Amino acid sequence: MKKPVLVGILIVAVIVGIMAYSMMSLSNNRVEVCIEFNGRTTCKTARGADQETAIRTATDNACGEMVSGVTDTMNCTRSKPKSITILQK
């Protein structure tokens, strides 16, 4: 391979590595959220930069699996979680 191609591949690899590292280090908070809505319960685990983000993500994922339609989704995500378990800080 020519030197410019090798340098280009190396630069792309370094950028991808930095992005992967920064994304992994931002996800230090891991939680499990259980949501009960319309008689159904679903638990989901998520990571986030802070606990609030992780809880919101897990709640959104649980509601997304459990309900359909905009109104039910909004009502589900606004409901109080049945339980929140902090798995990692």
C-alpha atoms as a PDB file:
ATOM      1  CA  MET A   1       0.000   0.000   0.000  1.00  0.00           C
ATOM      2  CA  LYS A   2       1.020   3.555  -0.572  1.00  0.00           C
ATOM      3  CA  LYS A   3       1.966   5.716   2.365  1.00  0.00           C
ATOM      4  CA  PRO A   4      -0.976   8.202   2.042  1.00  0.00           C
ATOM      5  CA  VAL A   5      -3.495   5.327   2.057  1.00  0.00           C
ATOM      6  CA  LEU A   6      -1.870   3.804   5.152  1.00  0.00           C
ATOM      7  CA  VAL A   7      -1.879   7.161   6.939  1.00  0.00           C
ATOM      8  CA  GLY A   8      -5.564   7.670   6.024  1.00  0.00           C
ATOM      9  CA  ILE A   9      -6.509   4.251   7.391  1.00  0.00           C
ATOM     10  CA  LEU A  10      -4.544   4.943  10.572  1.00  0.00           C
ATOM     11  CA  ILE A  11      -6.268   8.311  11.089  1.00  0.00           C
ATOM     12  CA  VAL A  12      -9.729   6.766  10.634  1.00  0.00           C
ATOM     13  CA  ALA A  13      -8.868   3.962  13.063  1.00  0.00           C
ATOM     14  CA  VAL A  14      -7.709   6.461  15.696  1.00  0.00           C
ATOM     15  CA  ILE A  15     -10.879   8.551  15.304  1.00  0.00           C
ATOM     16  CA  VAL A  16     -13.106   5.474  15.611  1.00  0.00           C
ATOM     17  CA  GLY A  17     -11.157   4.340  18.679  1.00  0.00           C
ATOM     18  CA  ILE A  18     -11.519   7.727  20.362  1.00  0.00           C
ATOM     19  CA  MET A  19     -15.256   7.793  19.634  1.00  0.00           C
ATOM     20  CA  ALA A  20     -15.750   4.283  21.015  1.00  0.00           C
ATOM     21  CA  TYR A  21     -13.763   5.080  24.157  1.00  0.00           C
ATOM     22  CA  SER A  22     -15.643   8.310  24.824  1.00  0.00           C
ATOM     23  CA  MET A  23     -19.012   6.639  24.313  1.00  0.00           C
ATOM     24  CA  MET A  24     -18.133   3.833  26.707  1.00  0.00           C
ATOM     25  CA  SER A  25     -16.831   6.184  29.386  1.00  0.00           C
ATOM     26  CA  LEU A  26     -20.008   8.298  29.225  1.00  0.00           C
ATOM     27  CA  SER A  27     -22.164   5.276  30.022  1.00  0.00           C
ATOM     28  CA  ASN A  28     -21.054   4.716  33.599  1.00  0.00           C
ATOM     29  CA  ASN A  29     -24.561   4.632  35.078  1.00  0.00           C
ATOM     30  CA  ARG A  30     -26.539   1.435  34.553  1.00  0.00           C
ATOM     31  CA  VAL A  31     -30.075   0.949  35.873  1.00  0.00           C
ATOM     32  CA  GLU A  32     -32.987  -1.447  35.590  1.00  0.00           C
ATOM     33  CA  VAL A  33     -36.451   0.098  35.490  1.00  0.00           C
ATOM     34  CA  CYS A  34     -39.700  -1.854  35.834  1.00  0.00           C
ATOM     35  CA  ILE A  35     -42.834  -0.147  34.531  1.00  0.00           C
ATOM     36  CA  GLU A  36     -46.399  -1.251  35.216  1.00  0.00           C
ATOM     37  CA  PHE A  37     -48.961   0.120  32.768  1.00  0.00           C
ATOM     38  CA  ASN A  38     -52.464  -1.115  31.909  1.00  0.00           C
ATOM     39  CA  GLY A  39     -51.959  -4.298  33.919  1.00  0.00           C
ATOM     40  CA  ARG A  40     -48.678  -5.250  32.212  1.00  0.00           C
ATOM     41  CA  THR A  41     -45.190  -5.044  33.681  1.00  0.00           C
ATOM     42  CA  THR A  42     -41.932  -4.831  31.752  1.00  0.00           C
ATOM     43  CA  CYS A  43     -38.384  -4.336  33.022  1.00  0.00           C
ATOM     44  CA  LYS A  44     -35.553  -2.908  30.926  1.00  0.00           C
ATOM     45  CA  THR A  45     -31.897  -2.130  31.578  1.00  0.00           C
ATOM     46  CA  ALA A  46     -30.114   0.927  30.175  1.00  0.00           C
ATOM     47  CA  ARG A  47     -26.913   2.935  30.507  1.00  0.00           C
ATOM     48  CA  GLY A  48     -26.481   6.685  30.521  1.00  0.00           C
ATOM     49  CA  ALA A  49     -24.101   9.515  31.245  1.00  0.00           C
ATOM     50  CA  ASP A  50     -26.029  10.117  34.474  1.00  0.00           C
ATOM     51  CA  GLN A  51     -28.687   8.233  36.427  1.00  0.00           C
ATOM     52  CA  GLU A  52     -31.504  10.428  35.159  1.00  0.00           C
ATOM     53  CA  THR A  53     -30.600   9.714  31.536  1.00  0.00           C
ATOM     54  CA  ALA A  54     -30.261   5.988  32.195  1.00  0.00           C
ATOM     55  CA  ILE A  55     -33.653   5.877  33.951  1.00  0.00           C
ATOM     56  CA  ARG A  56     -35.329   7.829  31.132  1.00  0.00           C
ATOM     57  CA  THR A  57     -33.815   5.509  28.500  1.00  0.00           C
ATOM     58  CA  ALA A  58     -34.850   2.344  30.348  1.00  0.00           C
ATOM     59  CA  THR A  59     -38.356   3.755  30.863  1.00  0.00           C
ATOM     60  CA  ASP A  60     -38.689   4.653  27.185  1.00  0.00           C
ATOM     61  CA  ASN A  61     -37.487   1.178  26.152  1.00  0.00           C
ATOM     62  CA  ALA A  62     -39.890  -0.585  28.512  1.00  0.00           C
ATOM     63  CA  CYS A  63     -42.850   1.508  27.377  1.00  0.00           C
ATOM     64  CA  GLY A  64     -41.895   1.095  23.726  1.00  0.00           C
ATOM     65  CA  GLU A  65     -42.081  -2.673  24.084  1.00  0.00           C
ATOM     66  CA  MET A  66     -45.291  -2.693  26.076  1.00  0.00           C
ATOM     67  CA  VAL A  67     -47.613  -0.193  24.379  1.00  0.00           C
ATOM     68  CA  SER A  68     -48.461   1.102  20.946  1.00  0.00           C
ATOM     69  CA  GLY A  69     -49.731   4.470  19.841  1.00  0.00           C
ATOM     70  CA  VAL A  70     -48.657   7.944  20.754  1.00  0.00           C
ATOM     71  CA  THR A  71     -51.149   8.496  23.576  1.00  0.00           C
ATOM     72  CA  ASP A  72     -50.345   5.232  25.383  1.00  0.00           C
ATOM     73  CA  THR A  73     -46.609   5.790  24.918  1.00  0.00           C
ATOM     74  CA  MET A  74     -46.808   9.290  26.411  1.00  0.00           C
ATOM     75  CA  ASN A  75     -48.947   8.103  29.336  1.00  0.00           C
ATOM     76  CA  CYS A  76     -46.640   5.151  29.985  1.00  0.00           C
ATOM     77  CA  THR A  77     -43.436   7.192  29.968  1.00  0.00           C
ATOM     78  CA  ARG A  78     -45.018   9.713  32.361  1.00  0.00           C
ATOM     79  CA  SER A  79     -46.100   7.029  34.827  1.00  0.00           C
ATOM     80  CA  LYS A  80     -44.043   6.361  37.951  1.00  0.00           C
ATOM     81  CA  PRO A  81     -41.786   3.284  37.611  1.00  0.00           C
ATOM     82  CA  LYS A  82     -42.734   0.269  39.727  1.00  0.00           C
ATOM     83  CA  SER A  83     -39.064  -0.143  40.658  1.00  0.00           C
ATOM     84  CA  ILE A  84     -35.659   1.330  39.838  1.00  0.00           C
ATOM     85  CA  THR A  85     -32.537  -0.697  40.549  1.00  0.00           C
ATOM     86  CA  ILE A  86     -29.119   0.953  40.312  1.00  0.00           C
ATOM     87  CA  LEU A  87     -26.826  -1.664  38.796  1.00  0.00           C
ATOM     88  CA  GLN A  88     -23.630   0.318  38.281  1.00  0.00           C
ATOM     89  CA  LYS A  89     -22.342   3.777  39.107  1.00  0.00           C
END
